[in-house]
Amino acid sequence: MKNNINPKKLLLSKWTSVAVNEKEKHFLVTRVHLQDGSAQKFGQVTIEAILTNSTKNIHWKSLKDRSLWLPGWL
């Protein structure tokens, strides 16, 4: 099953990590970064762990990989 993502709707979207690390399973996209030199192409997103409030930057296209991420909070 393909994981289609509209990059314009990523902000505040919810995600579940398939590989739970340090009790961090549920994440929220808190920031969408534009690629350098582009006003419309997305690069990375900042995701925040709901339980620990820690943040990390990932490339938004990695959210399409169902072996890593599932949409919503499961």
C-alpha atoms as a PDB file:
ATOM      1  CA  MET A   1       0.000   0.000   0.000  1.00  0.00           C
ATOM      2  CA  LYS A   2       1.467   3.328  -1.079  1.00  0.00           C
ATOM      3  CA  ASN A   3       1.683   6.113   1.481  1.00  0.00           C
ATOM      4  CA  ASN A   4       0.673   9.248  -0.457  1.00  0.00           C
ATOM      5  CA  ILE A   5       1.532  12.490   1.314  1.00  0.00           C
ATOM      6  CA  ASN A   6       0.615  16.016   0.356  1.00  0.00           C
ATOM      7  CA  PRO A   7       3.620  18.053   1.548  1.00  0.00           C
ATOM      8  CA  LYS A   8       1.449  21.162   1.867  1.00  0.00           C
ATOM      9  CA  LYS A   9      -0.613  19.393   4.564  1.00  0.00           C
ATOM     10  CA  LEU A  10       2.296  18.088   6.641  1.00  0.00           C
ATOM     11  CA  LEU A  11       2.281  20.803   9.294  1.00  0.00           C
ATOM     12  CA  LEU A  12       0.642  19.486  12.504  1.00  0.00           C
ATOM     13  CA  SER A  13       0.124  16.040  10.981  1.00  0.00           C
ATOM     14  CA  LYS A  14       0.390  13.036  13.322  1.00  0.00           C
ATOM     15  CA  TRP A  15       2.724  10.054  12.802  1.00  0.00           C
ATOM     16  CA  THR A  16       3.518   6.781  14.545  1.00  0.00           C
ATOM     17  CA  SER A  17       7.067   5.451  14.479  1.00  0.00           C
ATOM     18  CA  VAL A  18       7.295   1.754  13.635  1.00  0.00           C
ATOM     19  CA  ALA A  19      10.559   1.418  15.581  1.00  0.00           C
ATOM     20  CA  VAL A  20       9.940   2.743  19.092  1.00  0.00           C
ATOM     21  CA  ASN A  21      13.066   4.290  20.588  1.00  0.00           C
ATOM     22  CA  GLU A  22      13.176   5.459  24.232  1.00  0.00           C
ATOM     23  CA  LYS A  23       9.359   5.363  24.512  1.00  0.00           C
ATOM     24  CA  GLU A  24       9.040   7.773  21.581  1.00  0.00           C
ATOM     25  CA  LYS A  25       6.293   6.390  19.382  1.00  0.00           C
ATOM     26  CA  HIS A  26       3.893   9.225  18.544  1.00  0.00           C
ATOM     27  CA  PHE A  27       5.095  12.328  16.738  1.00  0.00           C
ATOM     28  CA  LEU A  28       3.689  15.607  15.473  1.00  0.00           C
ATOM     29  CA  VAL A  29       5.144  17.601  12.563  1.00  0.00           C
ATOM     30  CA  THR A  30       5.847  21.001  14.129  1.00  0.00           C
ATOM     31  CA  ARG A  31       7.767  22.693  11.314  1.00  0.00           C
ATOM     32  CA  VAL A  32       8.182  22.311   7.557  1.00  0.00           C
ATOM     33  CA  HIS A  33      11.496  23.536   6.119  1.00  0.00           C
ATOM     34  CA  LEU A  34      11.916  24.763   2.552  1.00  0.00           C
ATOM     35  CA  GLN A  35      14.895  23.615   0.515  1.00  0.00           C
ATOM     36  CA  ASP A  36      17.688  26.155   0.116  1.00  0.00           C
ATOM     37  CA  GLY A  37      17.058  28.510  -2.784  1.00  0.00           C
ATOM     38  CA  SER A  38      13.458  27.424  -3.238  1.00  0.00           C
ATOM     39  CA  ALA A  39      10.284  29.126  -2.118  1.00  0.00           C
ATOM     40  CA  GLN A  40       8.101  26.086  -2.843  1.00  0.00           C
ATOM     41  CA  LYS A  41      10.101  22.843  -2.506  1.00  0.00           C
ATOM     42  CA  PHE A  42      10.027  21.137   0.856  1.00  0.00           C
ATOM     43  CA  GLY A  43      13.118  19.533   2.327  1.00  0.00           C
ATOM     44  CA  GLN A  44      13.038  18.516   5.933  1.00  0.00           C
ATOM     45  CA  VAL A  45      10.392  18.575   8.606  1.00  0.00           C
ATOM     46  CA  THR A  46      10.793  18.894  12.353  1.00  0.00           C
ATOM     47  CA  ILE A  47       8.929  16.220  14.272  1.00  0.00           C
ATOM     48  CA  GLU A  48       8.257  16.350  17.995  1.00  0.00           C
ATOM     49  CA  ALA A  49       7.807  13.301  20.199  1.00  0.00           C
ATOM     50  CA  ILE A  50       4.543  13.678  22.114  1.00  0.00           C
ATOM     51  CA  LEU A  51       5.730  11.909  25.265  1.00  0.00           C
ATOM     52  CA  THR A  52       9.167  13.519  25.665  1.00  0.00           C
ATOM     53  CA  ASN A  53       8.813  16.742  23.616  1.00  0.00           C
ATOM     54  CA  SER A  54      12.170  16.018  21.971  1.00  0.00           C
ATOM     55  CA  THR A  55      12.511  17.127  18.361  1.00  0.00           C
ATOM     56  CA  LYS A  56      14.448  15.926  15.357  1.00  0.00           C
ATOM     57  CA  ASN A  57      14.678  16.834  11.697  1.00  0.00           C
ATOM     58  CA  ILE A  58      13.959  14.255   9.015  1.00  0.00           C
ATOM     59  CA  HIS A  59      13.444  14.482   5.271  1.00  0.00           C
ATOM     60  CA  TRP A  60       9.714  14.681   4.650  1.00  0.00           C
ATOM     61  CA  LYS A  61       9.836  11.892   2.052  1.00  0.00           C
ATOM     62  CA  SER A  62      10.967   9.398   4.709  1.00  0.00           C
ATOM     63  CA  LEU A  63       7.394   9.609   6.059  1.00  0.00           C
ATOM     64  CA  LYS A  64       6.320   7.729   2.906  1.00  0.00           C
ATOM     65  CA  ASP A  65       8.237   4.639   4.033  1.00  0.00           C
ATOM     66  CA  ARG A  66       5.718   2.410   5.840  1.00  0.00           C
ATOM     67  CA  SER A  67       8.539   0.363   7.327  1.00  0.00           C
ATOM     68  CA  LEU A  68       9.467   3.500   9.321  1.00  0.00           C
ATOM     69  CA  TRP A  69       6.312   5.587   9.711  1.00  0.00           C
ATOM     70  CA  LEU A  70       2.546   5.137   9.812  1.00  0.00           C
ATOM     71  CA  PRO A  71       0.136   8.055   9.423  1.00  0.00           C
ATOM     72  CA  GLY A  72      -1.864   8.994  12.501  1.00  0.00           C
ATOM     73  CA  TRP A  73      -1.431   7.807  16.072  1.00  0.00           C
ATOM     74  CA  LEU A  74      -1.931   4.079  16.332  1.00  0.00           C
END
